[in-house]
């Protein structure tokens, strides 16, 4: 298992992961993503800005995540613990359904934290759909604290906003 920066040639594999995740979530009555989000243009932008990473397992692309400093507008409504100088934000973490429940997401979380520490980030932030119990469990298991709740456009249910301090 290795995690590497995504390249434009990985776009089809990434879109397959995302489409598989959308279908899997819909089968579980989780309507977090759809055919409009995340779309190809968002993923291409992630790759062009060098914030896209893929997890390769057994020679196949098994998971995707984007990490950067971009905090959505909705984050401004949350009372965070501090206003850090450097904050890493996790976007679009997705694991192919065939790899879910096998530690793949945990490996991505370890990578994200190691990346943050190596690059002198003091906090990691992310949001998770309140109706996605697997995601909520993953983030809480990995030491993230729920800091608030809010809504994104075109979503029926709320999102929880999480933060993890890396300050020792």
N, C-alpha and C. Protein backbone atom coordinates (compact mmCIF):
# COMPACT_ATOMS: atom_id res chain seq x y z
N UNK A 1 0.85 -1.18 0.00
CA UNK A 1 0.00 0.00 0.00
C UNK A 1 0.89 1.24 0.00
N UNK A 2 0.61 2.16 -0.92
CA UNK A 2 1.35 3.41 -0.93
C UNK A 2 0.41 4.55 -1.29
N UNK A 3 0.76 5.73 -0.81
CA UNK A 3 -0.02 6.93 -1.10
C UNK A 3 0.89 7.87 -1.87
N UNK A 4 0.40 8.30 -3.03
CA UNK A 4 1.21 9.14 -3.93
C UNK A 4 0.37 10.32 -4.43
N UNK A 5 1.04 11.39 -4.87
CA UNK A 5 0.29 12.48 -5.49
C UNK A 5 -0.44 11.98 -6.73
N UNK A 6 -1.67 12.41 -6.89
CA UNK A 6 -2.45 12.04 -8.08
C UNK A 6 -1.97 12.84 -9.28
N UNK A 7 -2.04 12.20 -10.42
CA UNK A 7 -1.70 12.85 -11.68
C UNK A 7 -2.94 12.86 -12.57
N UNK A 8 -2.91 13.68 -13.58
CA UNK A 8 -4.08 13.80 -14.47
C UNK A 8 -4.43 12.46 -15.10
N UNK A 9 -3.45 11.60 -15.29
CA UNK A 9 -3.71 10.27 -15.86
C UNK A 9 -4.50 9.38 -14.90
N UNK A 10 -4.62 9.78 -13.64
CA UNK A 10 -5.38 9.02 -12.63
C UNK A 10 -6.85 9.40 -12.59
N UNK A 11 -7.25 10.37 -13.38
CA UNK A 11 -8.61 10.93 -13.28
C UNK A 11 -9.70 9.88 -13.43
N UNK A 12 -9.58 8.97 -14.38
CA UNK A 12 -10.63 7.95 -14.57
C UNK A 12 -10.74 7.05 -13.36
N UNK A 13 -9.61 6.65 -12.79
CA UNK A 13 -9.63 5.80 -11.59
C UNK A 13 -10.26 6.54 -10.41
N UNK A 14 -9.93 7.81 -10.27
CA UNK A 14 -10.50 8.60 -9.18
C UNK A 14 -12.01 8.75 -9.36
N UNK A 15 -12.44 9.05 -10.58
CA UNK A 15 -13.88 9.22 -10.83
C UNK A 15 -14.62 7.90 -10.62
N UNK A 16 -13.98 6.77 -10.91
CA UNK A 16 -14.59 5.46 -10.64
C UNK A 16 -14.78 5.25 -9.14
N UNK A 17 -13.78 5.62 -8.36
CA UNK A 17 -13.90 5.52 -6.90
C UNK A 17 -15.06 6.37 -6.42
N UNK A 18 -15.11 7.62 -6.87
CA UNK A 18 -16.16 8.54 -6.42
C UNK A 18 -17.54 8.03 -6.83
N UNK A 19 -17.69 7.59 -8.08
CA UNK A 19 -19.00 7.07 -8.54
C UNK A 19 -19.40 5.85 -7.73
N UNK A 20 -18.45 4.99 -7.42
CA UNK A 20 -18.74 3.79 -6.62
C UNK A 20 -19.16 4.18 -5.20
N UNK A 21 -18.50 5.20 -4.65
CA UNK A 21 -18.87 5.68 -3.31
C UNK A 21 -20.26 6.30 -3.31
N UNK A 22 -20.57 7.08 -4.34
CA UNK A 22 -21.91 7.70 -4.43
C UNK A 22 -22.97 6.60 -4.45
N UNK A 23 -22.78 5.62 -5.30
CA UNK A 23 -23.76 4.52 -5.41
C UNK A 23 -23.88 3.77 -4.09
N UNK A 24 -22.74 3.47 -3.45
CA UNK A 24 -22.75 2.76 -2.18
C UNK A 24 -23.47 3.57 -1.10
N UNK A 25 -23.18 4.87 -1.04
CA UNK A 25 -23.85 5.71 -0.03
C UNK A 25 -25.35 5.78 -0.30
N UNK A 26 -25.73 5.95 -1.56
CA UNK A 26 -27.17 6.00 -1.88
C UNK A 26 -27.87 4.70 -1.50
N UNK A 27 -27.21 3.57 -1.68
CA UNK A 27 -27.78 2.28 -1.27
C UNK A 27 -27.98 2.21 0.24
N UNK A 28 -27.24 3.05 0.98
CA UNK A 28 -27.36 3.11 2.44
C UNK A 28 -28.19 4.32 2.88
N UNK A 29 -28.90 4.94 1.92
CA UNK A 29 -29.70 6.14 2.19
C UNK A 29 -28.87 7.31 2.73
N UNK A 30 -27.65 7.42 2.24
CA UNK A 30 -26.78 8.55 2.57
C UNK A 30 -26.64 9.38 1.30
N UNK A 31 -27.21 10.56 1.30
CA UNK A 31 -27.21 11.39 0.10
C UNK A 31 -26.27 12.58 0.27
N UNK A 32 -25.04 12.24 0.56
CA UNK A 32 -23.99 13.22 0.80
C UNK A 32 -23.43 13.76 -0.51
N UNK A 33 -23.17 12.90 -1.46
CA UNK A 33 -22.63 13.27 -2.77
C UNK A 33 -23.62 12.84 -3.84
N UNK A 34 -23.40 13.37 -5.06
CA UNK A 34 -24.27 13.01 -6.18
C UNK A 34 -23.50 13.18 -7.49
N UNK A 35 -24.20 13.20 -8.59
CA UNK A 35 -23.53 13.33 -9.89
C UNK A 35 -22.93 14.72 -10.10
N UNK A 36 -23.29 15.68 -9.25
CA UNK A 36 -22.79 17.04 -9.38
C UNK A 36 -21.61 17.34 -8.46
N UNK A 37 -21.53 16.63 -7.38
CA UNK A 37 -20.43 16.86 -6.43
C UNK A 37 -20.01 15.55 -5.81
N UNK A 38 -18.72 15.28 -5.82
CA UNK A 38 -17.67 16.02 -6.52
C UNK A 38 -17.61 15.62 -8.00
N UNK A 39 -17.48 16.59 -8.86
CA UNK A 39 -17.45 16.30 -10.29
C UNK A 39 -16.01 16.33 -10.82
N UNK A 40 -15.88 15.98 -12.09
CA UNK A 40 -14.56 15.88 -12.73
C UNK A 40 -13.76 17.18 -12.63
N UNK A 41 -14.42 18.32 -12.80
CA UNK A 41 -13.69 19.59 -12.78
C UNK A 41 -13.08 19.87 -11.40
N UNK A 42 -13.77 19.47 -10.36
CA UNK A 42 -13.24 19.64 -9.00
C UNK A 42 -12.00 18.78 -8.80
N UNK A 43 -12.07 17.54 -9.27
CA UNK A 43 -10.94 16.62 -9.10
C UNK A 43 -9.76 17.09 -9.96
N UNK A 44 -10.02 17.53 -11.17
CA UNK A 44 -8.95 18.06 -12.03
C UNK A 44 -8.29 19.25 -11.33
N UNK A 45 -9.08 20.11 -10.72
CA UNK A 45 -8.53 21.26 -9.99
C UNK A 45 -7.68 20.79 -8.81
N UNK A 46 -8.14 19.77 -8.09
CA UNK A 46 -7.34 19.20 -6.99
C UNK A 46 -5.98 18.75 -7.51
N UNK A 47 -5.99 18.07 -8.65
CA UNK A 47 -4.73 17.57 -9.22
C UNK A 47 -3.84 18.72 -9.66
N UNK A 48 -4.41 19.70 -10.33
CA UNK A 48 -3.62 20.85 -10.81
C UNK A 48 -3.02 21.67 -9.68
N UNK A 49 -3.71 21.73 -8.55
CA UNK A 49 -3.19 22.48 -7.40
C UNK A 49 -2.32 21.61 -6.49
N UNK A 50 -2.07 20.40 -6.92
CA UNK A 50 -1.21 19.45 -6.20
C UNK A 50 -1.71 19.14 -4.80
N UNK A 51 -3.02 19.08 -4.65
CA UNK A 51 -3.60 18.72 -3.36
C UNK A 51 -4.23 17.34 -3.38
N UNK A 52 -4.14 16.64 -4.50
CA UNK A 52 -4.80 15.34 -4.69
C UNK A 52 -3.83 14.19 -4.43
N UNK A 53 -4.32 13.20 -3.70
CA UNK A 53 -3.52 12.01 -3.39
C UNK A 53 -4.37 10.77 -3.61
N UNK A 54 -3.70 9.71 -4.06
CA UNK A 54 -4.37 8.43 -4.23
C UNK A 54 -3.63 7.37 -3.43
N UNK A 55 -4.39 6.41 -2.97
CA UNK A 55 -3.82 5.26 -2.28
C UNK A 55 -3.84 4.09 -3.25
N UNK A 56 -2.69 3.53 -3.48
CA UNK A 56 -2.55 2.39 -4.39
C UNK A 56 -2.39 1.12 -3.56
N UNK A 57 -3.22 0.14 -3.87
CA UNK A 57 -3.16 -1.13 -3.16
C UNK A 57 -3.31 -2.25 -4.18
N UNK A 58 -2.40 -3.21 -4.12
CA UNK A 58 -2.38 -4.31 -5.09
C UNK A 58 -2.39 -3.79 -6.53
N UNK A 59 -1.66 -2.71 -6.76
CA UNK A 59 -1.53 -2.14 -8.09
C UNK A 59 -2.74 -1.36 -8.57
N UNK A 60 -3.75 -1.18 -7.71
CA UNK A 60 -4.96 -0.47 -8.12
C UNK A 60 -5.18 0.76 -7.24
N UNK A 61 -5.80 1.74 -7.83
CA UNK A 61 -6.20 2.95 -7.11
C UNK A 61 -7.39 2.58 -6.22
N UNK A 62 -7.20 2.65 -4.90
CA UNK A 62 -8.24 2.20 -3.97
C UNK A 62 -8.91 3.34 -3.20
N UNK A 63 -8.25 4.52 -3.15
CA UNK A 63 -8.80 5.61 -2.36
C UNK A 63 -8.26 6.94 -2.87
N UNK A 64 -8.99 7.99 -2.51
CA UNK A 64 -8.65 9.35 -2.95
C UNK A 64 -8.89 10.34 -1.82
N UNK A 65 -8.06 11.37 -1.77
CA UNK A 65 -8.29 12.48 -0.84
C UNK A 65 -7.60 13.73 -1.38
N UNK A 66 -8.16 14.87 -1.03
CA UNK A 66 -7.54 16.16 -1.34
C UNK A 66 -7.26 16.84 -0.01
N UNK A 67 -6.05 17.39 0.11
CA UNK A 67 -5.69 18.12 1.34
C UNK A 67 -5.03 19.44 0.93
N UNK A 68 -5.50 20.52 1.54
CA UNK A 68 -4.96 21.84 1.25
C UNK A 68 -5.37 22.79 2.38
N UNK A 69 -5.19 24.06 2.17
CA UNK A 69 -5.53 25.04 3.21
C UNK A 69 -6.88 25.72 2.97
N UNK A 70 -7.63 25.28 1.97
CA UNK A 70 -8.89 25.93 1.61
C UNK A 70 -10.01 25.55 2.58
N UNK A 71 -10.50 26.55 3.31
CA UNK A 71 -11.61 26.35 4.23
C UNK A 71 -12.87 26.93 3.59
N UNK A 72 -13.89 26.09 3.38
CA UNK A 72 -15.14 26.59 2.80
C UNK A 72 -15.74 27.73 3.63
N UNK A 73 -16.54 28.53 2.99
CA UNK A 73 -17.21 29.66 3.66
C UNK A 73 -17.94 29.19 4.92
N UNK A 74 -18.54 28.02 4.86
CA UNK A 74 -19.31 27.49 5.99
C UNK A 74 -18.45 27.34 7.25
N UNK A 75 -17.15 27.21 7.09
CA UNK A 75 -16.26 27.07 8.25
C UNK A 75 -16.23 28.35 9.09
N UNK A 76 -16.56 29.48 8.49
CA UNK A 76 -16.53 30.76 9.21
C UNK A 76 -17.61 30.82 10.31
N UNK A 77 -18.62 29.96 10.22
CA UNK A 77 -19.70 29.97 11.20
C UNK A 77 -19.37 29.14 12.44
N UNK A 78 -18.25 28.45 12.42
CA UNK A 78 -17.89 27.52 13.51
C UNK A 78 -16.95 28.19 14.50
N UNK A 79 -17.19 27.91 15.77
CA UNK A 79 -16.29 28.39 16.81
C UNK A 79 -15.20 27.34 16.99
N UNK A 80 -14.09 27.55 16.29
CA UNK A 80 -12.95 26.64 16.37
C UNK A 80 -12.19 26.89 17.66
N UNK A 81 -11.35 25.96 18.06
CA UNK A 81 -10.62 26.12 19.31
C UNK A 81 -9.60 27.26 19.24
N UNK A 82 -9.00 27.46 18.09
CA UNK A 82 -8.04 28.54 17.90
C UNK A 82 -8.08 28.97 16.44
N UNK A 83 -7.41 30.06 16.14
CA UNK A 83 -7.25 30.46 14.76
C UNK A 83 -5.79 30.21 14.40
N UNK A 84 -5.48 28.99 13.95
CA UNK A 84 -4.08 28.64 13.73
C UNK A 84 -3.45 29.38 12.55
N UNK A 85 -2.14 29.52 12.63
CA UNK A 85 -1.44 30.13 11.51
C UNK A 85 -1.49 29.22 10.29
N UNK A 86 -1.38 27.93 10.51
CA UNK A 86 -1.40 26.97 9.40
C UNK A 86 -2.37 25.84 9.72
N UNK A 87 -3.38 25.72 8.90
CA UNK A 87 -4.41 24.70 9.11
C UNK A 87 -4.57 23.89 7.83
N UNK A 88 -4.46 22.58 7.93
CA UNK A 88 -4.66 21.68 6.80
C UNK A 88 -6.12 21.24 6.79
N UNK A 89 -6.74 21.25 5.62
CA UNK A 89 -8.15 20.88 5.51
C UNK A 89 -8.28 19.65 4.60
N UNK A 90 -9.08 18.69 5.05
CA UNK A 90 -9.31 17.45 4.33
C UNK A 90 -10.59 17.58 3.50
N UNK A 91 -10.49 17.19 2.23
CA UNK A 91 -11.64 17.25 1.32
C UNK A 91 -11.79 15.92 0.58
N UNK A 92 -13.02 15.50 0.36
CA UNK A 92 -13.36 14.42 -0.57
C UNK A 92 -12.68 13.08 -0.29
N UNK A 93 -12.47 12.77 0.97
CA UNK A 93 -11.88 11.47 1.30
C UNK A 93 -12.84 10.39 0.84
N UNK A 94 -12.35 9.50 0.00
CA UNK A 94 -13.21 8.44 -0.54
C UNK A 94 -12.42 7.17 -0.71
N UNK A 95 -13.02 6.08 -0.26
CA UNK A 95 -12.42 4.75 -0.35
C UNK A 95 -13.38 3.88 -1.16
N UNK A 96 -12.84 3.22 -2.17
CA UNK A 96 -13.69 2.33 -2.99
C UNK A 96 -14.42 1.37 -2.06
N UNK A 97 -15.71 1.13 -2.28
CA UNK A 97 -16.48 0.24 -1.40
C UNK A 97 -15.85 -1.15 -1.21
N UNK A 98 -15.13 -1.65 -2.20
CA UNK A 98 -14.47 -2.95 -2.05
C UNK A 98 -13.38 -2.93 -1.00
N UNK A 99 -12.86 -1.74 -0.67
CA UNK A 99 -11.77 -1.60 0.30
C UNK A 99 -12.25 -1.05 1.64
N UNK A 100 -13.50 -0.72 1.75
CA UNK A 100 -14.00 -0.16 3.00
C UNK A 100 -14.03 -1.23 4.09
N UNK A 101 -13.76 -0.80 5.31
CA UNK A 101 -13.76 -1.71 6.45
C UNK A 101 -12.50 -2.55 6.56
N UNK A 102 -11.47 -2.20 5.80
CA UNK A 102 -10.23 -2.97 5.79
C UNK A 102 -9.02 -2.14 6.20
N UNK A 103 -9.26 -0.98 6.80
CA UNK A 103 -8.16 -0.15 7.27
C UNK A 103 -7.64 0.86 6.27
N UNK A 104 -8.21 0.89 5.09
CA UNK A 104 -7.72 1.81 4.04
C UNK A 104 -7.92 3.27 4.45
N UNK A 105 -9.08 3.62 4.96
CA UNK A 105 -9.33 5.00 5.39
C UNK A 105 -8.40 5.37 6.54
N UNK A 106 -8.15 4.43 7.43
CA UNK A 106 -7.21 4.68 8.53
C UNK A 106 -5.82 5.00 8.03
N UNK A 107 -5.39 4.31 6.98
CA UNK A 107 -4.08 4.60 6.38
C UNK A 107 -4.05 6.01 5.80
N UNK A 108 -5.14 6.41 5.16
CA UNK A 108 -5.21 7.79 4.65
C UNK A 108 -5.11 8.79 5.80
N UNK A 109 -5.79 8.50 6.90
CA UNK A 109 -5.76 9.41 8.04
C UNK A 109 -4.34 9.52 8.61
N UNK A 110 -3.62 8.41 8.69
CA UNK A 110 -2.23 8.44 9.16
C UNK A 110 -1.37 9.29 8.21
N UNK A 111 -1.58 9.11 6.92
CA UNK A 111 -0.83 9.88 5.93
C UNK A 111 -1.11 11.38 6.09
N UNK A 112 -2.38 11.73 6.25
CA UNK A 112 -2.76 13.15 6.39
C UNK A 112 -2.09 13.76 7.61
N UNK A 113 -2.13 13.06 8.72
CA UNK A 113 -1.52 13.58 9.95
C UNK A 113 0.00 13.72 9.79
N UNK A 114 0.64 12.71 9.20
CA UNK A 114 2.09 12.78 8.98
C UNK A 114 2.44 13.95 8.05
N UNK A 115 1.65 14.14 7.01
CA UNK A 115 1.84 15.25 6.07
C UNK A 115 1.73 16.58 6.82
N UNK A 116 0.71 16.69 7.66
CA UNK A 116 0.48 17.93 8.42
C UNK A 116 1.65 18.21 9.35
N UNK A 117 2.11 17.21 10.06
CA UNK A 117 3.23 17.40 10.97
C UNK A 117 4.51 17.78 10.22
N UNK A 118 4.77 17.09 9.13
CA UNK A 118 5.98 17.36 8.32
C UNK A 118 5.98 18.78 7.77
N UNK A 119 4.79 19.31 7.48
CA UNK A 119 4.67 20.63 6.88
C UNK A 119 4.26 21.72 7.86
N UNK A 120 4.44 21.44 9.15
CA UNK A 120 4.25 22.42 10.22
C UNK A 120 2.85 22.98 10.35
N UNK A 121 1.84 22.15 10.10
CA UNK A 121 0.47 22.56 10.36
C UNK A 121 0.17 22.35 11.84
N UNK A 122 -0.61 23.25 12.43
CA UNK A 122 -0.94 23.11 13.84
C UNK A 122 -2.30 22.45 14.06
N UNK A 123 -3.15 22.45 13.02
CA UNK A 123 -4.47 21.83 13.12
C UNK A 123 -4.83 21.17 11.80
N UNK A 124 -5.70 20.18 11.90
CA UNK A 124 -6.34 19.59 10.73
C UNK A 124 -7.84 19.79 10.92
N UNK A 125 -8.51 20.24 9.88
CA UNK A 125 -9.96 20.43 9.94
C UNK A 125 -10.63 19.68 8.80
N UNK A 126 -11.90 19.34 9.03
CA UNK A 126 -12.69 18.66 8.01
C UNK A 126 -14.15 18.75 8.38
N UNK A 127 -14.99 18.38 7.42
CA UNK A 127 -16.43 18.29 7.70
C UNK A 127 -16.91 16.92 7.28
N UNK A 128 -17.97 16.47 7.91
CA UNK A 128 -18.53 15.15 7.62
C UNK A 128 -20.06 15.23 7.68
N UNK A 129 -20.67 14.58 6.74
CA UNK A 129 -22.14 14.56 6.66
C UNK A 129 -22.69 13.86 7.89
N UNK A 130 -23.64 14.49 8.54
CA UNK A 130 -24.17 13.95 9.81
C UNK A 130 -24.87 12.60 9.65
N UNK A 131 -25.27 12.25 8.43
CA UNK A 131 -25.96 10.98 8.18
C UNK A 131 -25.01 9.91 7.64
N UNK A 132 -23.71 10.12 7.78
CA UNK A 132 -22.72 9.15 7.33
C UNK A 132 -21.99 8.57 8.55
N UNK A 133 -22.58 7.55 9.20
CA UNK A 133 -22.01 7.05 10.45
C UNK A 133 -20.59 6.51 10.32
N UNK A 134 -20.25 5.92 9.19
CA UNK A 134 -18.90 5.37 9.03
C UNK A 134 -17.86 6.49 9.05
N UNK A 135 -18.16 7.59 8.38
CA UNK A 135 -17.23 8.73 8.36
C UNK A 135 -17.11 9.35 9.75
N UNK A 136 -18.22 9.52 10.42
CA UNK A 136 -18.19 10.10 11.76
C UNK A 136 -17.34 9.25 12.70
N UNK A 137 -17.53 7.95 12.63
CA UNK A 137 -16.76 7.02 13.47
C UNK A 137 -15.27 7.10 13.14
N UNK A 138 -14.94 7.14 11.85
CA UNK A 138 -13.54 7.23 11.42
C UNK A 138 -12.86 8.45 12.02
N UNK A 139 -13.48 9.61 11.89
CA UNK A 139 -12.84 10.83 12.35
C UNK A 139 -12.73 10.87 13.87
N UNK A 140 -13.77 10.45 14.55
CA UNK A 140 -13.72 10.46 16.01
C UNK A 140 -12.70 9.44 16.53
N UNK A 141 -12.61 8.30 15.88
CA UNK A 141 -11.62 7.27 16.25
C UNK A 141 -10.20 7.79 16.06
N UNK A 142 -10.02 8.70 15.11
CA UNK A 142 -8.69 9.25 14.83
C UNK A 142 -8.41 10.55 15.57
N UNK A 143 -9.16 10.82 16.61
CA UNK A 143 -8.84 11.93 17.50
C UNK A 143 -9.38 13.30 17.11
N UNK A 144 -10.32 13.34 16.18
CA UNK A 144 -10.92 14.62 15.80
C UNK A 144 -12.04 14.96 16.76
N UNK A 145 -12.14 16.25 17.11
CA UNK A 145 -13.20 16.74 18.00
C UNK A 145 -14.25 17.46 17.19
N UNK A 146 -15.51 17.15 17.48
CA UNK A 146 -16.61 17.85 16.81
C UNK A 146 -16.69 19.25 17.38
N UNK A 147 -16.58 20.26 16.48
CA UNK A 147 -16.55 21.65 16.91
C UNK A 147 -17.83 22.40 16.62
N UNK A 148 -18.69 21.83 15.81
CA UNK A 148 -19.93 22.51 15.48
C UNK A 148 -20.68 21.79 14.39
N UNK A 149 -21.77 22.41 13.99
CA UNK A 149 -22.66 21.81 13.00
C UNK A 149 -23.16 22.91 12.07
N UNK A 150 -23.32 22.59 10.80
CA UNK A 150 -23.81 23.56 9.85
C UNK A 150 -24.28 22.90 8.58
N UNK A 151 -24.67 23.70 7.64
CA UNK A 151 -25.24 23.19 6.39
C UNK A 151 -24.45 23.66 5.19
N UNK A 152 -24.41 22.80 4.18
CA UNK A 152 -23.88 23.16 2.88
C UNK A 152 -25.07 23.26 1.93
N UNK A 153 -24.96 24.08 0.90
CA UNK A 153 -26.08 24.23 -0.04
C UNK A 153 -26.49 22.88 -0.65
N UNK A 154 -27.78 22.75 -0.87
CA UNK A 154 -28.36 21.60 -1.56
C UNK A 154 -28.21 20.28 -0.80
N UNK A 155 -28.03 20.34 0.51
CA UNK A 155 -27.98 19.13 1.32
C UNK A 155 -29.09 19.21 2.35
N UNK A 156 -29.82 18.12 2.47
CA UNK A 156 -30.96 18.11 3.38
C UNK A 156 -30.54 18.12 4.85
N UNK A 157 -29.48 17.39 5.14
CA UNK A 157 -29.06 17.25 6.53
C UNK A 157 -27.76 18.03 6.79
N UNK A 158 -27.47 18.21 8.05
CA UNK A 158 -26.31 19.00 8.45
C UNK A 158 -25.00 18.24 8.29
N UNK A 159 -23.94 19.00 8.40
CA UNK A 159 -22.58 18.47 8.44
C UNK A 159 -22.00 18.80 9.81
N UNK A 160 -21.15 17.91 10.30
CA UNK A 160 -20.41 18.17 11.53
C UNK A 160 -19.02 18.66 11.12
N UNK A 161 -18.51 19.62 11.86
CA UNK A 161 -17.21 20.19 11.59
C UNK A 161 -16.25 19.70 12.66
N UNK A 162 -15.14 19.13 12.22
CA UNK A 162 -14.16 18.51 13.11
C UNK A 162 -12.82 19.20 13.02
N UNK A 163 -12.07 19.06 14.15
CA UNK A 163 -10.74 19.63 14.22
C UNK A 163 -9.86 18.71 15.06
N UNK A 164 -8.60 18.64 14.67
CA UNK A 164 -7.62 17.90 15.46
C UNK A 164 -6.42 18.80 15.65
N UNK A 165 -6.04 19.00 16.90
CA UNK A 165 -4.87 19.82 17.22
C UNK A 165 -3.62 18.97 17.11
N UNK A 166 -2.60 19.53 16.51
CA UNK A 166 -1.30 18.86 16.41
C UNK A 166 -0.26 19.54 17.30
N UNK A 167 -0.73 20.49 18.09
CA UNK A 167 0.16 21.23 18.99
C UNK A 167 0.43 20.38 20.22
N UNK A 168 1.68 20.21 20.51
CA UNK A 168 2.07 19.38 21.67
C UNK A 168 2.23 20.23 22.90
